[in-house]
């Protein structure tokens, strides 16, 4: 976790990472493929089988893809051994992400709440030149219960210590983000630039936008 002094605002925006600000699909899929090959996994897994689970913790993803529970740790080790080598080369900022962060920073305190570990998140944000915009980074290892549990959002809020009655928003691309936000009693905002489907997201929030830039603009204009 990274924590810095927060800006003096009445608004807090917490961003998800994968599918909201960055596209790391290729790195994730390649790393899963490597883990399956490394352990001679004999089940046929499509790219869609993998991508529909992005946002969940790795242990959950491997279990849902059919890896026996007693072998999941070994698969994760293989996954990470490749991912740490390739994630910088096969991850990009989504269109509009930088503009959305810069706009958000002009009127809000910002944080990242992700299922990725900060071991990968922090260097990645630094590589893209955007780490400096965020006052807190909450990754997988900072919490006991990842999203859809509200703990990651509660942890971010506790670290930021926003003003009383501040407006707090969570922007994400999956129902996990929406459930987590709702359970944490903050505004749930969905974007369609990632892995979630409109029909699924609309069951959890009415605040649905094309991407993070459109979402941040709506917050700034007080249309949410």
Protein backbone atom coordinates (compact mmCIF):
# COMPACT_ATOMS: atom_id res chain seq x y z
CA UNK A 1 0.00 0.00 0.00
CA UNK A 2 1.12 3.52 -0.82
CA UNK A 3 -0.35 6.40 1.13
CA UNK A 4 0.36 10.09 0.67
CA UNK A 5 -1.15 13.22 2.15
CA UNK A 6 -4.57 13.81 0.60
CA UNK A 7 -5.71 16.96 -1.13
CA UNK A 8 -8.12 19.29 0.60
CA UNK A 9 -11.31 18.39 -1.28
CA UNK A 10 -14.81 17.20 -0.51
CA UNK A 11 -14.69 14.51 -3.19
CA UNK A 12 -12.92 11.14 -3.25
CA UNK A 13 -12.71 8.97 -6.36
CA UNK A 14 -11.46 5.40 -6.09
CA UNK A 15 -10.52 3.76 -9.39
CA UNK A 16 -10.39 0.10 -10.23
CA UNK A 17 -7.42 -0.79 -12.43
CA UNK A 18 -7.89 -3.63 -14.94
CA UNK A 19 -10.57 -2.72 -17.46
CA UNK A 20 -11.05 0.72 -15.93
CA UNK A 21 -7.71 2.48 -16.37
CA UNK A 22 -5.49 -0.17 -17.96
CA UNK A 23 -5.72 -3.04 -20.42
CA UNK A 24 -3.59 -5.94 -19.26
CA UNK A 25 -5.64 -8.64 -20.94
CA UNK A 26 -2.79 -10.00 -23.05
CA UNK A 27 -0.39 -10.24 -20.11
CA UNK A 28 -3.00 -11.99 -17.98
CA UNK A 29 -4.01 -14.49 -20.65
CA UNK A 30 -0.39 -15.25 -21.55
CA UNK A 31 0.43 -15.86 -17.89
CA UNK A 32 -2.52 -18.20 -17.43
CA UNK A 33 -1.50 -20.10 -20.57
CA UNK A 34 2.02 -20.41 -19.21
CA UNK A 35 0.79 -21.74 -15.87
CA UNK A 36 -1.45 -24.30 -17.56
CA UNK A 37 1.39 -25.46 -19.80
CA UNK A 38 3.88 -25.54 -16.92
CA UNK A 39 1.64 -27.94 -15.00
CA UNK A 40 0.37 -29.88 -18.03
CA UNK A 41 -3.24 -28.92 -17.33
CA UNK A 42 -5.39 -31.11 -19.56
CA UNK A 43 -8.63 -29.09 -19.67
CA UNK A 44 -9.43 -26.93 -22.69
CA UNK A 45 -9.63 -23.29 -21.57
CA UNK A 46 -10.58 -20.47 -23.95
CA UNK A 47 -9.41 -16.88 -23.70
CA UNK A 48 -13.01 -15.93 -22.88
CA UNK A 49 -13.04 -18.41 -19.99
CA UNK A 50 -10.10 -16.47 -18.55
CA UNK A 51 -11.15 -12.89 -19.31
CA UNK A 52 -14.65 -13.27 -17.89
CA UNK A 53 -13.02 -13.86 -14.49
CA UNK A 54 -10.63 -10.89 -14.55
CA UNK A 55 -11.17 -8.84 -11.44
CA UNK A 56 -11.36 -11.80 -9.11
CA UNK A 57 -8.32 -12.92 -7.08
CA UNK A 58 -6.03 -15.39 -8.86
CA UNK A 59 -6.89 -18.21 -6.48
CA UNK A 60 -10.58 -17.82 -7.33
CA UNK A 61 -9.86 -17.65 -11.06
CA UNK A 62 -7.77 -20.81 -11.10
CA UNK A 63 -10.33 -22.67 -9.01
CA UNK A 64 -13.17 -21.65 -11.33
CA UNK A 65 -11.09 -22.77 -14.31
CA UNK A 66 -10.85 -26.24 -12.83
CA UNK A 67 -7.52 -26.34 -11.01
CA UNK A 68 -7.70 -28.55 -7.89
CA UNK A 69 -7.51 -26.50 -4.70
CA UNK A 70 -4.40 -28.28 -3.47
CA UNK A 71 -2.52 -27.26 -6.63
CA UNK A 72 -3.64 -23.64 -6.99
CA UNK A 73 -0.65 -22.14 -5.18
CA UNK A 74 1.73 -23.82 -7.63
CA UNK A 75 -0.25 -22.51 -10.59
CA UNK A 76 -0.18 -19.01 -9.12
CA UNK A 77 3.59 -19.23 -8.68
CA UNK A 78 3.95 -20.17 -12.35
CA UNK A 79 1.57 -17.41 -13.40
CA UNK A 80 3.50 -14.79 -11.46
CA UNK A 81 6.87 -15.99 -12.70
CA UNK A 82 5.87 -14.98 -16.23
CA UNK A 83 3.61 -12.06 -15.38
CA UNK A 84 6.34 -10.18 -13.55
CA UNK A 85 8.49 -10.42 -16.70
CA UNK A 86 5.92 -9.36 -19.28
CA UNK A 87 3.34 -7.14 -17.60
CA UNK A 88 5.11 -3.88 -18.48
CA UNK A 89 5.41 -4.83 -22.14
CA UNK A 90 1.86 -6.13 -22.55
CA UNK A 91 -0.12 -3.57 -20.54
CA UNK A 92 -1.40 -0.23 -21.82
CA UNK A 93 -3.44 2.66 -20.52
CA UNK A 94 -6.97 2.58 -21.85
CA UNK A 95 -8.01 5.45 -24.16
CA UNK A 96 -8.99 8.48 -22.11
CA UNK A 97 -7.55 7.06 -18.88
CA UNK A 98 -4.83 9.67 -18.46
CA UNK A 99 -7.26 12.51 -19.19
CA UNK A 100 -9.75 11.08 -16.70
CA UNK A 101 -7.11 10.89 -13.97
CA UNK A 102 -5.88 14.43 -14.63
CA UNK A 103 -9.43 15.79 -14.65
CA UNK A 104 -10.32 13.90 -11.48
CA UNK A 105 -7.23 15.16 -9.70
CA UNK A 106 -8.25 18.74 -10.44
CA UNK A 107 -11.18 18.49 -8.03
CA UNK A 108 -10.86 15.24 -6.05
CA UNK A 109 -8.63 13.08 -3.90
CA UNK A 110 -7.80 9.90 -5.79
CA UNK A 111 -7.08 6.29 -4.92
CA UNK A 112 -6.70 2.94 -6.62
CA UNK A 113 -8.52 -0.09 -5.25
CA UNK A 114 -7.56 -3.25 -7.12
CA UNK A 115 -7.24 -7.00 -6.75
CA UNK A 116 -3.70 -6.78 -8.16
CA UNK A 117 -0.92 -6.74 -5.60
CA UNK A 118 0.86 -3.43 -5.13
CA UNK A 119 4.07 -5.24 -6.09
CA UNK A 120 2.83 -5.02 -9.67
CA UNK A 121 0.48 -2.05 -9.41
CA UNK A 122 2.93 0.54 -8.09
CA UNK A 123 5.69 0.05 -10.73
CA UNK A 124 3.04 -0.08 -13.45
CA UNK A 125 1.49 3.22 -12.42
CA UNK A 126 4.96 4.72 -12.16
CA UNK A 127 5.81 3.43 -15.65
CA UNK A 128 2.76 5.23 -17.05
CA UNK A 129 3.65 8.41 -15.15
CA UNK A 130 0.43 8.43 -13.13
CA UNK A 131 1.46 7.18 -9.69
CA UNK A 132 1.83 10.76 -8.46
CA UNK A 133 -1.87 11.44 -8.94
CA UNK A 134 -2.99 8.91 -6.34
CA UNK A 135 -3.02 9.37 -2.58
CA UNK A 136 -3.59 5.73 -1.73
CA UNK A 137 -3.12 2.37 -3.44
CA UNK A 138 -4.96 -0.62 -1.99
CA UNK A 139 -3.92 -3.95 -3.47
CA UNK A 140 -4.70 -7.57 -2.72
CA UNK A 141 -2.20 -7.92 0.12
CA UNK A 142 -3.60 -4.93 2.03
CA UNK A 143 -6.85 -6.71 2.83
CA UNK A 144 -8.11 -10.01 4.12
CA UNK A 145 -11.23 -9.97 1.98
CA UNK A 146 -10.93 -8.68 -1.62
CA UNK A 147 -13.86 -7.30 -3.62
CA UNK A 148 -16.79 -7.90 -3.79
CA UNK A 149 -16.25 -7.50 -0.05
CA UNK A 150 -16.29 -3.81 1.02
CA UNK A 151 -13.03 -4.12 2.99
CA UNK A 152 -10.75 -2.70 0.24
CA UNK A 153 -12.88 0.44 -0.02
CA UNK A 154 -13.13 0.77 3.76
CA UNK A 155 -9.33 0.46 3.94
CA UNK A 156 -8.83 3.19 1.32
CA UNK A 157 -11.23 5.54 3.10
CA UNK A 158 -9.57 4.88 6.47
CA UNK A 159 -6.17 5.73 5.00
CA UNK A 160 -7.38 8.85 3.22
CA UNK A 161 -9.42 10.19 6.15
CA UNK A 162 -11.63 12.40 3.96
CA UNK A 163 -13.65 15.27 5.34
CA UNK A 164 -16.88 14.37 7.04
CA UNK A 165 -19.76 14.19 4.53
CA UNK A 166 -17.37 13.95 1.57
CA UNK A 167 -18.78 12.49 -1.64
CA UNK A 168 -17.06 9.17 -2.33
CA UNK A 169 -17.21 7.31 -5.65
CA UNK A 170 -15.90 3.94 -6.82
CA UNK A 171 -15.37 3.60 -10.58
CA UNK A 172 -15.03 0.08 -11.94
CA UNK A 173 -15.88 -2.21 -14.81
CA UNK A 174 -17.32 -5.32 -13.13
CA UNK A 175 -20.14 -6.24 -10.81
CA UNK A 176 -17.48 -6.94 -8.17
CA UNK A 177 -16.73 -3.21 -8.08
CA UNK A 178 -20.43 -2.37 -7.90
CA UNK A 179 -21.17 -4.80 -5.08
CA UNK A 180 -18.12 -3.67 -3.12
CA UNK A 181 -19.09 -0.01 -3.50
CA UNK A 182 -22.70 -0.61 -2.52
CA UNK A 183 -21.69 -2.63 0.54
CA UNK A 184 -19.25 0.14 1.52
CA UNK A 185 -22.02 2.73 1.13
CA UNK A 186 -20.28 4.75 -1.57
CA UNK A 187 -21.51 5.65 -5.05
CA UNK A 188 -21.06 2.80 -7.53
CA UNK A 189 -20.10 3.92 -11.03
CA UNK A 190 -19.69 1.43 -13.87
CA UNK A 191 -17.70 1.80 -17.08
CA UNK A 192 -18.12 -0.25 -20.24
CA UNK A 193 -14.48 -0.17 -21.38
CA UNK A 194 -13.55 -3.32 -19.48
CA UNK A 195 -14.83 -6.81 -18.76
CA UNK A 196 -18.34 -6.25 -17.43
CA UNK A 197 -21.48 -6.49 -19.57
CA UNK A 198 -24.13 -3.77 -19.64
CA UNK A 199 -26.95 -6.09 -18.61
CA UNK A 200 -24.99 -7.36 -15.62
CA UNK A 201 -23.79 -3.94 -14.49
CA UNK A 202 -27.23 -2.34 -14.82
CA UNK A 203 -28.55 -4.76 -12.21
CA UNK A 204 -26.30 -3.06 -9.65
CA UNK A 205 -26.14 0.61 -10.63
CA UNK A 206 -27.85 3.23 -12.76
CA UNK A 207 -24.56 5.11 -13.15
CA UNK A 208 -23.06 3.55 -16.27
CA UNK A 209 -20.67 5.33 -18.64
CA UNK A 210 -18.60 4.56 -21.70
CA UNK A 211 -15.26 4.98 -19.93
CA UNK A 212 -13.55 6.55 -16.94
CA UNK A 213 -13.28 9.98 -18.59
CA UNK A 214 -17.01 10.16 -19.18
CA UNK A 215 -17.62 8.98 -15.62
CA UNK A 216 -15.28 11.56 -14.07
CA UNK A 217 -16.82 14.34 -16.16
CA UNK A 218 -20.26 13.36 -14.85
CA UNK A 219 -18.98 13.50 -11.27
CA UNK A 220 -17.42 16.92 -11.87
CA UNK A 221 -20.63 18.22 -13.44
CA UNK A 222 -22.59 16.81 -10.48
CA UNK A 223 -24.70 14.65 -12.78
CA UNK A 224 -24.43 11.69 -10.42
